[in-house]
């Protein structure tokens, strides 16, 4: 048995967390790690005390045919990244890495190339998280530098791209 590197180790844990998801469309799991310590976990689910979509057998966005990434105000769930962030202190998250795994609810297979939605991206920025890591193709991982998202949000990506940065 091959010992996994740390990125794959933490992504494997995030994928187990994703199995607790209650969304009918996608099962996401997130863990926040700093200095090789897991400081928080989160998965997609309805707010505490609310009925989960899997228990209702209903997804308003699915029923309306809304594509992924749109009309989140119709979604009953709190995203995995959000849940992980609200369960940790900002002090703990400054400079941390968020590992995000997604499972297809029909097959249980890991989904590659995912990235946080716009709202989760903003929360990740405000939390002080430095890096987001997700599954890539094969054994690859995708690493998102949160500082680049801040630049993109300010429109600086255009100047960087023009200058060959």
Protein backbone atom coordinates (compact mmCIF):
# COMPACT_ATOMS: atom_id res chain seq x y z
CA UNK A 1 0.00 0.00 0.00
CA UNK A 2 1.34 3.39 -1.01
CA UNK A 3 1.37 6.11 1.65
CA UNK A 4 -0.58 9.14 0.35
CA UNK A 5 1.03 12.57 0.28
CA UNK A 6 -0.58 15.19 2.51
CA UNK A 7 -2.76 16.73 -0.21
CA UNK A 8 -4.30 13.37 -1.06
CA UNK A 9 -4.57 12.43 2.63
CA UNK A 10 -6.60 15.57 3.38
CA UNK A 11 -8.66 15.29 0.18
CA UNK A 12 -9.50 11.69 1.15
CA UNK A 13 -10.72 12.93 4.55
CA UNK A 14 -12.76 15.69 2.85
CA UNK A 15 -14.37 13.05 0.61
CA UNK A 16 -15.42 11.05 3.70
CA UNK A 17 -16.89 14.25 5.19
CA UNK A 18 -18.77 14.73 1.88
CA UNK A 19 -20.60 11.44 2.48
CA UNK A 20 -22.60 13.23 5.21
CA UNK A 21 -24.00 15.70 2.64
CA UNK A 22 -27.76 15.99 2.35
CA UNK A 23 -27.92 17.72 -1.05
CA UNK A 24 -29.51 15.82 -3.92
CA UNK A 25 -27.24 17.37 -6.59
CA UNK A 26 -23.70 17.19 -5.22
CA UNK A 27 -22.02 15.95 -2.07
CA UNK A 28 -19.28 18.35 -0.98
CA UNK A 29 -16.99 18.03 2.01
CA UNK A 30 -14.52 20.63 3.22
CA UNK A 31 -11.79 20.55 5.82
CA UNK A 32 -9.64 23.41 6.98
CA UNK A 33 -6.06 22.52 7.88
CA UNK A 34 -3.36 24.63 9.48
CA UNK A 35 0.06 23.43 10.60
CA UNK A 36 -0.97 19.83 9.83
CA UNK A 37 -3.96 20.02 12.16
CA UNK A 38 -7.56 19.77 11.03
CA UNK A 39 -9.29 22.74 12.63
CA UNK A 40 -12.75 22.38 11.09
CA UNK A 41 -14.90 20.29 8.78
CA UNK A 42 -18.12 20.94 6.94
CA UNK A 43 -20.48 19.30 4.49
CA UNK A 44 -23.47 20.46 2.45
CA UNK A 45 -26.69 20.39 4.43
CA UNK A 46 -29.80 22.29 5.43
CA UNK A 47 -29.46 24.76 8.31
CA UNK A 48 -29.69 23.22 11.78
CA UNK A 49 -33.25 22.27 12.62
CA UNK A 50 -34.40 22.46 9.00
CA UNK A 51 -35.48 19.48 6.94
CA UNK A 52 -32.82 18.16 4.56
CA UNK A 53 -33.44 17.87 0.82
CA UNK A 54 -32.69 14.14 0.89
CA UNK A 55 -35.44 13.72 3.50
CA UNK A 56 -37.88 15.82 1.45
CA UNK A 57 -36.86 14.06 -1.78
CA UNK A 58 -37.02 17.52 -3.33
CA UNK A 59 -34.61 20.09 -4.72
CA UNK A 60 -36.19 23.37 -5.83
CA UNK A 61 -33.25 24.16 -8.14
CA UNK A 62 -33.37 20.70 -9.74
CA UNK A 63 -37.14 20.92 -10.18
CA UNK A 64 -36.76 24.31 -11.91
CA UNK A 65 -33.93 23.02 -14.15
CA UNK A 66 -31.46 25.60 -12.83
CA UNK A 67 -27.86 24.91 -13.87
CA UNK A 68 -25.06 24.46 -11.37
CA UNK A 69 -23.67 27.74 -10.09
CA UNK A 70 -26.88 29.74 -10.51
CA UNK A 71 -29.76 30.93 -8.31
CA UNK A 72 -28.34 29.80 -4.97
CA UNK A 73 -31.03 31.81 -3.18
CA UNK A 74 -33.38 28.94 -4.04
CA UNK A 75 -31.09 26.36 -2.43
CA UNK A 76 -32.02 25.03 1.02
CA UNK A 77 -28.46 24.00 1.85
CA UNK A 78 -25.48 25.63 3.51
CA UNK A 79 -22.35 24.86 1.48
CA UNK A 80 -19.53 22.70 2.87
CA UNK A 81 -17.04 25.58 2.78
CA UNK A 82 -19.46 27.82 4.67
CA UNK A 83 -20.08 25.20 7.34
CA UNK A 84 -16.36 24.60 7.83
CA UNK A 85 -15.69 28.35 8.08
CA UNK A 86 -18.45 29.11 10.59
CA UNK A 87 -17.19 26.35 12.89
CA UNK A 88 -13.65 27.77 13.22
CA UNK A 89 -12.25 31.04 14.49
CA UNK A 90 -10.69 33.47 12.02
CA UNK A 91 -7.50 33.41 14.08
CA UNK A 92 -7.19 29.68 13.39
CA UNK A 93 -7.95 30.07 9.67
CA UNK A 94 -5.46 32.81 8.80
CA UNK A 95 -2.91 31.17 6.49
CA UNK A 96 -4.76 27.82 6.48
CA UNK A 97 -5.59 25.51 3.58
CA UNK A 98 -9.13 24.43 2.72
CA UNK A 99 -9.43 21.00 1.10
CA UNK A 100 -12.62 20.58 -0.93
CA UNK A 101 -13.89 17.25 -2.24
CA UNK A 102 -17.03 16.57 -4.25
CA UNK A 103 -18.81 13.27 -4.78
CA UNK A 104 -21.40 12.49 -7.42
CA UNK A 105 -24.43 11.42 -5.34
CA UNK A 106 -25.50 8.86 -7.94
CA UNK A 107 -22.17 7.05 -8.32
CA UNK A 108 -20.14 8.06 -5.25
CA UNK A 109 -17.28 8.90 -7.63
CA UNK A 110 -15.12 11.93 -6.90
CA UNK A 111 -15.76 14.90 -9.15
CA UNK A 112 -12.64 16.60 -10.47
CA UNK A 113 -12.05 20.25 -11.21
CA UNK A 114 -14.48 21.71 -8.68
CA UNK A 115 -14.08 25.17 -7.25
CA UNK A 116 -15.99 27.14 -4.63
CA UNK A 117 -18.96 29.23 -5.74
CA UNK A 118 -18.74 33.05 -5.74
CA UNK A 119 -20.23 33.41 -2.25
CA UNK A 120 -17.99 30.71 -0.76
CA UNK A 121 -14.99 32.33 -2.48
CA UNK A 122 -15.80 35.60 -0.69
CA UNK A 123 -16.13 33.79 2.63
CA UNK A 124 -12.80 32.00 2.09
CA UNK A 125 -11.13 35.35 1.36
CA UNK A 126 -12.59 36.96 4.50
CA UNK A 127 -11.69 33.96 6.64
CA UNK A 128 -8.00 34.47 5.85
CA UNK A 129 -7.58 31.08 4.18
CA UNK A 130 -4.50 31.07 1.95
CA UNK A 131 -4.99 28.08 -0.33
CA UNK A 132 -7.81 25.87 -1.62
CA UNK A 133 -6.97 22.37 -2.85
CA UNK A 134 -9.31 20.15 -4.88
CA UNK A 135 -9.09 16.94 -6.91
CA UNK A 136 -7.62 17.15 -10.40
CA UNK A 137 -7.44 14.49 -13.09
CA UNK A 138 -5.71 11.25 -12.17
CA UNK A 139 -3.41 11.79 -9.21
CA UNK A 140 -3.19 15.54 -9.78
CA UNK A 141 -4.50 18.17 -7.41
CA UNK A 142 -5.65 21.68 -8.22
CA UNK A 143 -4.31 24.45 -6.00
CA UNK A 144 -6.03 27.82 -5.91
CA UNK A 145 -4.14 30.71 -4.35
CA UNK A 146 -6.72 32.82 -2.58
CA UNK A 147 -4.60 35.96 -3.14
CA UNK A 148 -5.24 35.53 -6.89
CA UNK A 149 -8.99 35.54 -6.26
CA UNK A 150 -8.61 38.84 -4.44
CA UNK A 151 -6.70 40.26 -7.43
CA UNK A 152 -9.36 38.96 -9.81
CA UNK A 153 -12.08 40.53 -7.70
CA UNK A 154 -10.29 43.90 -7.88
CA UNK A 155 -9.80 43.55 -11.64
CA UNK A 156 -6.02 43.34 -11.28
CA UNK A 157 -5.92 40.04 -13.19
CA UNK A 158 -6.37 42.02 -16.39
CA UNK A 159 -3.29 44.17 -15.74
CA UNK A 160 -1.31 41.06 -14.73
CA UNK A 161 -2.32 39.22 -17.91
CA UNK A 162 -1.46 42.16 -20.15
CA UNK A 163 2.00 42.55 -18.63
CA UNK A 164 2.69 38.81 -18.89
CA UNK A 165 2.71 38.38 -15.12
